Protein backbone atom coordinates (compact mmCIF):
# COMPACT_ATOMS: atom_id res chain seq x y z
CA MET A 1 16.86 10.53 18.51
CA ILE A 2 18.76 7.24 18.46
CA LYS A 3 16.45 4.25 18.31
CA ARG A 4 17.53 1.49 20.38
CA THR A 5 16.42 -2.22 19.42
CA LEU A 6 16.76 -5.56 21.10
CA ALA A 7 19.28 -8.02 19.42
CA LEU A 8 16.66 -10.69 19.08
CA GLY A 9 14.65 -9.48 15.88
CA VAL A 10 16.73 -6.54 14.42
CA SER A 11 15.14 -4.40 11.58
CA LEU A 12 17.45 -3.46 9.21
CA ILE A 13 15.94 0.09 8.84
CA THR A 14 16.18 1.13 12.64
CA ILE A 15 19.74 -0.55 12.78
CA GLY A 16 21.00 1.96 10.43
CA LEU A 17 20.36 4.71 13.14
CA ILE A 18 22.52 2.85 15.75
CA ALA A 19 26.32 3.28 16.45
CA ALA A 20 28.07 1.63 19.41
CA PRO A 21 30.50 4.16 21.26
CA ALA A 22 34.14 3.04 21.08
CA LEU A 23 35.87 2.13 24.34
CA GLY A 24 38.90 4.18 24.00
CA GLN A 25 41.13 1.70 25.60
CA ALA A 26 44.79 2.74 25.45
CA MET A 27 47.08 1.19 23.16
CA PRO A 28 49.35 -1.71 24.52
CA GLN A 29 52.90 -0.49 24.83
CA GLU A 30 54.31 -2.44 21.53
CA LEU A 31 51.39 -1.07 19.32
CA ALA A 32 52.36 2.52 20.72
CA ASP A 33 55.83 1.94 20.00
CA ALA A 34 54.95 0.72 16.50
CA MET A 35 52.85 3.88 15.79
CA ALA A 36 55.94 6.06 17.22
CA GLY A 37 58.05 4.48 14.27
CA LYS A 38 60.20 2.41 16.57
CA TYR A 39 59.87 -0.39 14.32
CA LYS A 40 60.38 0.99 10.99
CA GLY A 41 62.02 -1.10 8.56
CA LYS A 42 61.22 -4.25 10.41
CA VAL A 43 59.45 -7.47 8.65
CA VAL A 44 56.79 -9.33 9.88
CA THR A 45 55.71 -12.75 8.06
CA ALA A 46 52.28 -13.71 8.10
CA PHE A 47 50.95 -16.83 6.55
CA GLY A 48 46.98 -17.75 6.10
CA ALA A 49 44.11 -18.86 4.06
CA PHE A 50 42.93 -15.36 2.97
CA ALA A 51 42.78 -15.74 -0.85
CA ASP A 52 41.24 -13.96 -3.81
CA ALA A 53 39.08 -11.00 -2.92
CA ASP A 54 39.57 -11.60 0.74
CA GLU A 55 43.41 -11.46 0.24
CA VAL A 56 42.96 -8.05 -1.49
CA LYS A 57 40.70 -6.61 1.40
CA PHE A 58 43.46 -7.74 3.92
CA ASN A 59 46.29 -6.13 2.27
CA GLN A 60 44.32 -2.95 2.01
CA ASP A 61 43.84 -3.08 5.75
CA VAL A 62 47.61 -3.92 6.25
CA LYS A 63 48.67 -0.87 3.93
CA ALA A 64 47.52 1.59 6.30
CA PHE A 65 49.39 -0.17 9.25
CA GLU A 66 52.34 -0.40 7.26
CA ASP A 67 52.24 3.27 6.11
CA ALA A 68 51.50 4.33 9.78
CA THR A 69 54.31 2.09 11.31
CA GLY A 70 57.01 1.67 8.62
CA ILE A 71 56.51 -2.19 9.41
CA ASP A 72 56.40 -4.49 6.41
CA ILE A 73 53.98 -7.16 6.99
CA GLN A 74 54.64 -9.94 4.03
CA TYR A 75 51.48 -12.09 3.83
CA GLU A 76 51.44 -15.26 1.98
CA SER A 77 48.18 -17.43 1.41
CA SER A 78 47.49 -20.84 0.69
CA LYS A 79 44.21 -22.48 -0.47
CA GLN A 80 45.84 -25.66 1.13
CA PHE A 81 46.57 -23.99 4.35
CA GLU A 82 45.90 -26.74 6.86
CA ALA A 83 48.39 -29.03 4.93
CA THR A 84 50.86 -26.47 4.15
CA ILE A 85 51.12 -25.04 7.72
CA GLY A 86 51.71 -28.51 9.19
CA THR A 87 54.64 -29.27 6.61
CA ARG A 88 56.13 -25.87 7.65
CA VAL A 89 55.96 -26.58 11.30
CA ASP A 90 57.34 -29.88 10.79
CA ALA A 91 60.38 -28.42 8.88
CA GLY A 92 60.85 -25.57 11.34
CA ASN A 93 59.92 -23.05 8.64
CA VAL A 94 57.34 -21.34 10.61
CA PRO A 95 55.97 -17.55 9.96
CA ASP A 96 55.98 -14.96 12.68
CA LEU A 97 52.16 -15.09 12.36
CA ALA A 98 49.51 -17.61 11.25
CA ASP A 99 45.72 -16.97 10.35
CA PHE A 100 43.98 -20.39 11.47
CA PRO A 101 40.43 -20.66 9.66
CA GLN A 102 39.51 -22.51 12.80
CA PRO A 103 40.66 -22.95 16.24
CA GLY A 104 41.16 -26.89 16.26
CA LEU A 105 43.95 -26.92 14.16
CA MET A 106 45.69 -24.12 16.07
CA GLY A 107 44.99 -26.26 19.29
CA ILE A 108 47.24 -28.98 17.84
CA PHE A 109 50.09 -26.55 17.81
CA ALA A 110 49.55 -25.11 21.12
CA LYS A 111 49.71 -28.69 22.72
CA GLN A 112 52.97 -29.03 21.02
CA GLY A 113 54.53 -25.98 22.52
CA LYS A 114 55.01 -24.01 19.23
CA LEU A 115 52.69 -20.93 20.07
CA ILE A 116 53.26 -17.90 22.06
CA ASP A 117 51.31 -16.94 25.05
CA LEU A 118 49.26 -13.82 24.28
CA THR A 119 48.63 -12.83 28.01
CA SER A 120 52.52 -12.49 28.16
CA PHE A 121 52.19 -9.18 26.46
CA MET A 122 48.58 -8.29 26.48
CA THR A 123 46.98 -8.01 30.15
CA PRO A 124 43.87 -9.99 31.01
CA ASP A 125 42.19 -6.44 31.60
CA TYR A 126 43.02 -5.22 28.16
CA LEU A 127 41.64 -8.46 26.48
CA LYS A 128 38.39 -8.52 28.36
CA GLY A 129 37.89 -4.76 27.46
CA GLN A 130 38.28 -5.81 23.66
CA TYR A 131 36.48 -9.17 23.63
CA LEU A 132 33.41 -10.86 25.13
CA GLN A 133 34.75 -13.70 27.42
CA SER A 134 33.92 -16.38 24.82
CA TRP A 135 36.23 -14.95 22.32
CA LEU A 136 38.95 -15.34 25.17
CA ASP A 137 37.67 -18.97 25.85
CA MET A 138 37.98 -20.08 22.20
CA GLY A 139 41.46 -18.84 21.91
CA THR A 140 42.65 -20.59 24.91
CA LYS A 141 44.09 -24.07 24.26
CA PRO A 142 46.14 -26.58 26.36
CA GLY A 143 49.80 -25.92 26.06
CA ALA A 144 52.68 -28.48 26.29
CA ASP A 145 52.41 -28.68 30.05
CA GLY A 146 48.71 -29.17 29.63
CA LYS A 147 47.63 -25.72 31.38
CA PRO A 148 45.30 -23.57 29.51
CA THR A 149 47.05 -20.93 27.39
CA MET A 150 45.70 -18.17 25.22
CA VAL A 151 47.26 -18.45 21.84
CA GLY A 152 44.94 -17.56 19.65
CA LEU A 153 43.47 -13.77 18.88
CA TRP A 154 40.14 -13.33 16.87
CA GLU A 155 40.40 -10.89 14.01
CA ARG A 156 37.14 -10.92 12.02
CA VAL A 157 34.10 -13.35 11.84
CA ASN A 158 30.87 -14.42 10.01
CA VAL A 159 27.61 -15.01 11.77
CA LYS A 160 25.62 -18.36 11.47
CA SER A 161 22.61 -17.69 13.54
CA LEU A 162 20.41 -15.87 11.47
CA VAL A 163 17.04 -16.67 9.98
CA TRP A 164 15.95 -14.86 6.45
CA TYR A 165 12.62 -14.14 5.34
CA PRO A 166 10.87 -12.08 2.39
CA LYS A 167 10.04 -9.09 4.24
CA LYS A 168 7.55 -7.26 1.86
CA ALA A 169 5.42 -10.45 1.65
CA PHE A 170 5.95 -11.48 5.50
CA ASP A 171 4.82 -7.95 6.53
CA ALA A 172 1.73 -7.95 4.04
CA ALA A 173 0.88 -11.48 5.48
CA GLY A 174 0.74 -10.02 9.05
CA TYR A 175 3.39 -12.12 10.52
CA LYS A 176 5.59 -10.99 13.10
CA VAL A 177 9.35 -11.52 13.84
CA PRO A 178 9.52 -14.20 16.75
CA THR A 179 11.91 -13.39 19.57
CA THR A 180 11.32 -16.75 21.65
CA TRP A 181 11.49 -20.33 20.32
CA ASP A 182 7.69 -20.59 21.27
CA GLU A 183 7.10 -17.80 19.11
CA LEU A 184 8.92 -19.29 16.28
CA LYS A 185 6.83 -22.58 16.46
CA LYS A 186 3.66 -20.51 16.61
CA LEU A 187 4.67 -18.65 13.36
CA GLN A 188 5.63 -22.03 11.78
CA ASP A 189 2.11 -23.19 12.76
CA GLN A 190 0.24 -20.12 11.49
CA ILE A 191 1.92 -20.48 8.12
CA VAL A 192 1.00 -23.98 7.82
CA ALA A 193 -2.57 -23.17 8.93
CA ASP A 194 -2.63 -20.60 6.08
CA GLY A 195 -1.93 -23.08 3.72
CA ASP A 196 1.82 -22.42 2.99
CA THR A 197 5.27 -24.08 3.92
CA PRO A 198 7.17 -22.34 6.74
CA TRP A 199 10.83 -23.47 6.09
CA CYS A 200 13.05 -23.45 2.91
CA ILE A 201 15.82 -26.19 3.44
CA GLY A 202 18.62 -27.92 1.73
CA ILE A 203 21.58 -29.66 2.46
CA GLU A 204 22.94 -30.65 -0.90
CA SER A 205 26.69 -29.64 -1.45
CA GLY A 206 28.44 -32.38 -3.53
CA ALA A 207 31.10 -33.97 -1.42
CA ALA A 208 30.06 -31.86 1.45
CA THR A 209 26.54 -32.72 1.58
CA GLY A 210 25.32 -32.54 5.19
CA TRP A 211 27.12 -29.80 6.38
CA ALA A 212 24.16 -27.33 6.57
CA ALA A 213 22.35 -30.17 8.79
CA THR A 214 25.41 -29.93 11.32
CA ASP A 215 24.80 -26.20 11.66
CA TRP A 216 21.13 -26.76 13.01
CA ILE A 217 22.39 -29.32 15.54
CA GLU A 218 24.91 -27.11 16.71
CA GLU A 219 22.63 -24.02 16.97
CA VAL A 220 20.14 -26.20 19.01
CA MET A 221 22.89 -27.81 21.25
CA LEU A 222 23.87 -23.86 22.19
CA ARG A 223 20.18 -23.34 23.08
CA THR A 224 19.65 -26.60 25.08
CA THR A 225 22.75 -27.33 26.98
CA SER A 226 25.75 -25.72 28.55
CA LEU A 227 28.76 -24.41 26.78
CA GLU A 228 30.96 -27.03 28.87
CA ASN A 229 28.81 -29.76 27.16
CA TYR A 230 29.05 -27.96 23.89
CA ASP A 231 32.96 -27.89 24.09
CA LYS A 232 33.19 -31.49 25.42
CA TRP A 233 30.97 -32.71 22.44
CA THR A 234 33.60 -31.15 19.98
CA THR A 235 36.47 -33.00 21.68
CA GLY A 236 34.59 -36.21 21.89
CA ALA A 237 34.03 -36.03 25.63
CA LEU A 238 30.26 -36.05 25.14
CA LYS A 239 29.13 -38.75 22.99
CA PHE A 240 26.87 -38.23 19.99
CA SER A 241 24.50 -40.92 21.67
CA SER A 242 24.25 -38.68 24.88
CA PRO A 243 20.90 -37.46 25.92
CA GLU A 244 22.05 -33.84 25.17
CA VAL A 245 23.00 -34.33 21.63
CA LYS A 246 19.99 -36.55 20.81
CA HIS A 247 17.46 -34.17 22.29
CA ALA A 248 19.13 -31.17 20.16
CA ALA A 249 18.64 -33.73 16.85
CA GLU A 250 15.26 -34.36 17.86
CA VAL A 251 14.35 -30.61 18.13
CA VAL A 252 15.64 -30.28 14.70
CA GLY A 253 13.79 -33.22 13.58
CA ASP A 254 10.32 -31.89 14.83
CA ILE A 255 10.84 -29.38 12.17
CA TRP A 256 12.56 -31.19 9.31
CA LEU A 257 10.96 -34.41 9.43
CA ASN A 258 7.48 -32.98 9.11
CA ASP A 259 6.75 -32.57 5.46
CA LYS A 260 4.28 -29.57 6.18
CA ASN A 261 7.28 -27.74 7.35
CA VAL A 262 9.56 -27.96 4.50
CA PHE A 263 9.07 -26.83 1.03
CA GLY A 264 9.11 -30.15 -1.02
CA GLY A 265 8.92 -32.30 2.27
CA ARG A 266 11.51 -34.18 4.02
CA LYS A 267 12.95 -35.89 0.88
CA ALA A 268 13.70 -32.47 -0.77
CA ILE A 269 16.01 -31.34 1.94
CA VAL A 270 18.70 -33.87 0.88
CA SER A 271 18.47 -33.20 -2.86
CA THR A 272 18.09 -29.51 -2.78
CA SER A 273 21.58 -27.47 -3.20
CA PHE A 274 22.11 -25.35 0.16
CA GLY A 275 22.56 -22.29 -2.29
CA ASP A 276 19.26 -22.96 -3.99
CA ALA A 277 17.18 -23.72 -0.96
CA PRO A 278 16.31 -19.94 -0.43
CA ALA A 279 15.17 -19.14 -4.03
CA PRO A 280 11.18 -20.18 -3.27
CA MET A 281 11.09 -17.49 -0.62
CA PHE A 282 11.16 -14.96 -3.51
CA ALA A 283 8.43 -16.52 -5.62
CA ASP A 284 5.10 -14.45 -5.73
CA PRO A 285 3.62 -15.71 -3.69
CA PRO A 286 6.43 -17.15 -1.60
CA LYS A 287 6.42 -20.78 -1.64
CA CYS A 288 8.19 -20.91 1.74
CA TRP A 289 8.91 -18.19 4.32
CA LEU A 290 12.03 -18.77 6.67
CA HIS A 291 15.49 -19.86 5.72
CA LYS A 292 18.36 -20.45 8.40
CA GLN A 293 21.77 -19.45 7.18
CA GLY A 294 24.87 -17.40 7.68
CA ASN A 295 25.08 -13.91 6.63
CA PHE A 296 26.93 -15.14 3.19
CA ILE A 297 23.85 -16.80 1.93
CA VAL A 298 22.47 -13.25 0.39
CA SER A 299 25.23 -13.99 -2.31
CA PHE A 300 23.22 -16.83 -3.47
CA PHE A 301 19.91 -15.08 -3.59
CA PRO A 302 18.16 -15.05 -7.07
CA LYS A 303 19.80 -12.59 -9.47
CA ASP A 304 16.86 -12.53 -12.17
CA LYS A 305 15.13 -9.72 -10.11
CA PRO A 306 16.29 -6.74 -7.94
CA LEU A 307 16.01 -7.49 -4.25
CA LYS A 308 16.61 -4.96 -1.79
CA ALA A 309 17.92 -5.54 1.86
CA GLY A 310 15.03 -4.21 4.22
CA VAL A 311 12.44 -4.12 1.88
CA ASP A 312 12.42 -7.45 -0.12
CA TYR A 313 14.22 -9.35 2.51
CA ASP A 314 15.30 -9.21 6.12
CA PHE A 315 16.55 -11.50 8.96
CA PHE A 316 16.33 -12.07 12.68
CA TYR A 317 18.25 -13.89 15.19
CA LEU A 318 17.27 -17.58 15.74
CA PRO A 319 15.68 -17.36 19.08
CA PRO A 320 16.68 -19.00 22.33
CA ILE A 321 14.99 -22.13 23.47
CA ASP A 322 15.85 -22.31 27.15
CA PRO A 323 16.47 -18.90 29.00
CA THR A 324 19.05 -20.72 31.10
CA TYR A 325 21.63 -20.54 28.32
CA GLY A 326 20.90 -17.01 27.16
CA ARG A 327 21.33 -15.74 23.51
CA PRO A 328 24.30 -17.53 22.11
CA VAL A 329 25.55 -17.03 18.37
CA GLU A 330 27.62 -19.61 16.28
CA VAL A 331 30.29 -18.20 14.37
CA GLY A 332 33.05 -18.94 11.86
CA GLY A 333 36.08 -16.76 11.48
CA ASP A 334 39.92 -16.15 11.50
CA ILE A 335 41.98 -16.48 14.56
CA TRP A 336 45.58 -15.47 14.53
CA SER A 337 48.63 -17.03 16.55
CA MET A 338 52.09 -16.22 17.06
CA PHE A 339 55.07 -18.60 16.30
CA LYS A 340 57.73 -16.20 17.06
CA ASP A 341 57.94 -13.44 19.80
CA ARG A 342 59.37 -10.01 18.68
CA PRO A 343 58.29 -6.52 19.78
CA GLU A 344 57.09 -5.81 16.06
CA VAL A 345 55.25 -9.18 15.96
CA ARG A 346 53.54 -8.17 19.30
CA ALA A 347 52.81 -4.95 17.74
CA VAL A 348 50.92 -6.44 14.79
CA MET A 349 48.93 -8.74 16.88
CA GLU A 350 48.00 -5.90 19.25
CA TRP A 351 46.81 -4.14 16.07
CA PHE A 352 44.55 -7.11 15.27
CA SER A 353 42.73 -6.82 18.71
CA ARG A 354 41.36 -3.40 17.89
CA ALA A 355 38.28 -3.11 15.54
CA ASP A 356 39.50 0.03 13.92
CA HIS A 357 42.21 -2.15 12.00
CA LEU A 358 39.34 -3.57 10.10
CA LYS A 359 37.67 -0.33 8.96
CA THR A 360 38.48 -0.66 5.07
CA TRP A 361 37.17 -4.42 5.16
CA LEU A 362 34.14 -3.24 7.01
CA ALA A 363 33.25 -0.63 4.73
CA SER A 364 33.62 -2.90 1.54
CA GLY A 365 31.39 -5.42 3.32
CA GLY A 366 31.41 -9.13 3.64
CA THR A 367 32.84 -9.45 7.55
CA ILE A 368 31.93 -8.87 10.96
CA ALA A 369 34.40 -7.35 14.10
CA PRO A 370 34.29 -9.38 17.09
CA GLN A 371 35.98 -6.51 18.97
CA LYS A 372 33.86 -4.70 21.49
CA ASP A 373 35.22 -1.26 20.19
CA VAL A 374 33.69 -1.57 16.82
CA GLN A 375 31.28 1.31 15.81
CA LEU A 376 28.04 0.27 13.74
CA ASP A 377 28.89 3.31 11.24
CA TRP A 378 32.05 1.58 10.23
CA TYR A 379 29.86 -1.08 8.08
CA GLY A 380 29.26 -0.29 4.77
CA ASN A 381 25.85 -1.91 4.56
CA ASP A 382 22.78 -2.52 6.48
CA ILE A 383 23.05 -6.35 6.24
CA ASP A 384 26.61 -6.21 7.89
CA ARG A 385 25.33 -3.67 10.48
CA GLY A 386 22.30 -5.55 11.42
CA VAL A 387 24.56 -9.08 11.66
CA ALA A 388 27.00 -7.02 13.87
CA LYS A 389 24.21 -5.95 16.15
CA ILE A 390 22.91 -9.47 16.63
CA LEU A 391 26.68 -10.41 17.58
CA ALA A 392 27.08 -7.55 20.04
CA GLY A 393 23.84 -8.75 21.96
CA ALA A 394 25.14 -12.44 22.20
CA THR A 395 25.64 -13.70 25.85
CA SER A 396 28.10 -16.41 24.54
CA VAL A 397 29.69 -17.43 21.40
CA ARG A 398 31.02 -20.63 20.04
CA PHE A 399 32.79 -21.67 16.80
CA ASP A 400 31.20 -23.93 14.17
CA GLY A 401 31.15 -27.40 16.14
CA SER A 402 31.98 -29.77 13.27
CA ASP A 403 35.00 -27.47 12.20
CA LEU A 404 36.33 -28.32 15.68
CA MET A 405 35.97 -32.00 15.48
CA PRO A 406 38.50 -34.36 13.83
CA GLY A 407 38.08 -34.39 10.19
CA GLU A 408 36.91 -38.00 10.17
CA VAL A 409 33.83 -36.72 12.15
CA GLY A 410 33.22 -33.06 11.53
CA ALA A 411 33.66 -33.22 7.80
CA GLY A 412 33.21 -37.09 7.64
CA SER A 413 30.41 -39.28 9.49
CA PHE A 414 28.57 -36.00 11.00
CA TRP A 415 27.89 -34.95 7.54
CA LYS A 416 27.12 -38.46 6.17
CA GLU A 417 25.01 -39.99 9.12
CA MET A 418 22.95 -36.70 9.45
CA THR A 419 22.22 -36.99 5.64
CA ALA A 420 21.16 -40.64 6.02
CA TRP A 421 18.83 -39.89 9.17
CA ILE A 422 17.22 -37.04 7.24
CA ALA A 423 16.99 -39.00 3.97
CA GLY A 424 15.19 -41.66 6.05
CA SER A 425 17.53 -44.43 5.33
CA GLU A 426 18.69 -44.67 9.08
CA ASP A 427 16.81 -43.91 12.40
CA LEU A 428 18.50 -41.37 14.68
CA ASP A 429 19.85 -43.83 17.31
CA THR A 430 22.01 -45.64 14.37
CA ALA A 431 22.91 -42.38 12.99
CA LEU A 432 24.27 -41.15 16.40
CA LYS A 433 26.12 -44.42 17.24
CA ASN A 434 27.82 -44.65 13.76
CA ILE A 435 29.16 -41.23 14.24
CA ASP A 436 30.36 -42.04 17.66
CA ALA A 437 32.04 -45.18 16.16
CA SER A 438 33.98 -43.11 13.63
CA TRP A 439 35.73 -41.05 16.25
CA PRO A 440 39.59 -41.55 15.97
CA SER A 441 41.30 -43.14 18.92
CA LYS A 442 43.31 -40.82 20.99
């Protein structure tokens, strides 16, 4: 019998028994033609930020397509992708395809009229069959004429909206995975009443100190206001000093600024590295019990003792706050756009739209498929399978907000001012006004 569990509080053990059915949509025309060998010998150039192990995994997936179609995908990567792609566009030396690490930069080229409208060859019905509407919304940007144009297609993602906990000790203590914000607060209060500390939190990251704090603000924004307000916030149309953003910060502050809630107290948050923050969960007994971070964080778990997923640790979805806003999920990821429109280039984009093109990557671990037709048994481990289940249960999805903002804000004042507020050197109103003042003039 196949067990079915809700997306809010997924057990790694039960998840292993679930598989989502493939939708079985017919291939778009160019992809079908490619599979029939009609574009054999054609070359498609692709440029992106995949490097090191990710580049190896991408090329492994690409080889299967090349073998099946005879199309040669020539991929070039750069760790300075953002600067390099701008230079290439200015010089007229564009690739056929580009993989943007975030949709904000893609939007700049869309506004310049440099990118191809993907709905010119993939129908809205097909795209809605492959993706939750939120993914299509995030791939849509104003074109040169100001009209919304779908220029981006999501290939693979990582999920941020996760809370990790030391499962063996957690279960032994009689704690239960919360599925609502009220239940999360009650769990937090129970841990404090038991004489322990609920949260493991650290935001130190060298020159990038503070980014982990922005993730929390973004998560709460998605749970306390509309998607329209979230989108306006990332573009500067909704100010940081607005009631909506201030409220989100205050919700975070209710947890972070109470020394009873955080291991080491408020002051330790700023001095503790984000990668070191979860380690106290694995002390015996745990020194803290909950850590909110994306699925990448397992690579930072202590290596001095073996830790088994589903036994020593597990995770759950960061619960919703206001039911009005459903079960949002915050993500990072890779979105592809077309600079040149040829049948073989269309075929590659259509291939990216189907989850089975990621099979090799999913089996090796470390990535999540946003496409609806993914099957959970394609994932090579229980962590990725569980994260995928949470993503599949999302009612809406949005990209990391700070990554969508201008660099002066998203990777500048937002990080800096949140750090100052958390450290206690500024009050919240001052920090929010300072961020607003840093926004570049249009």
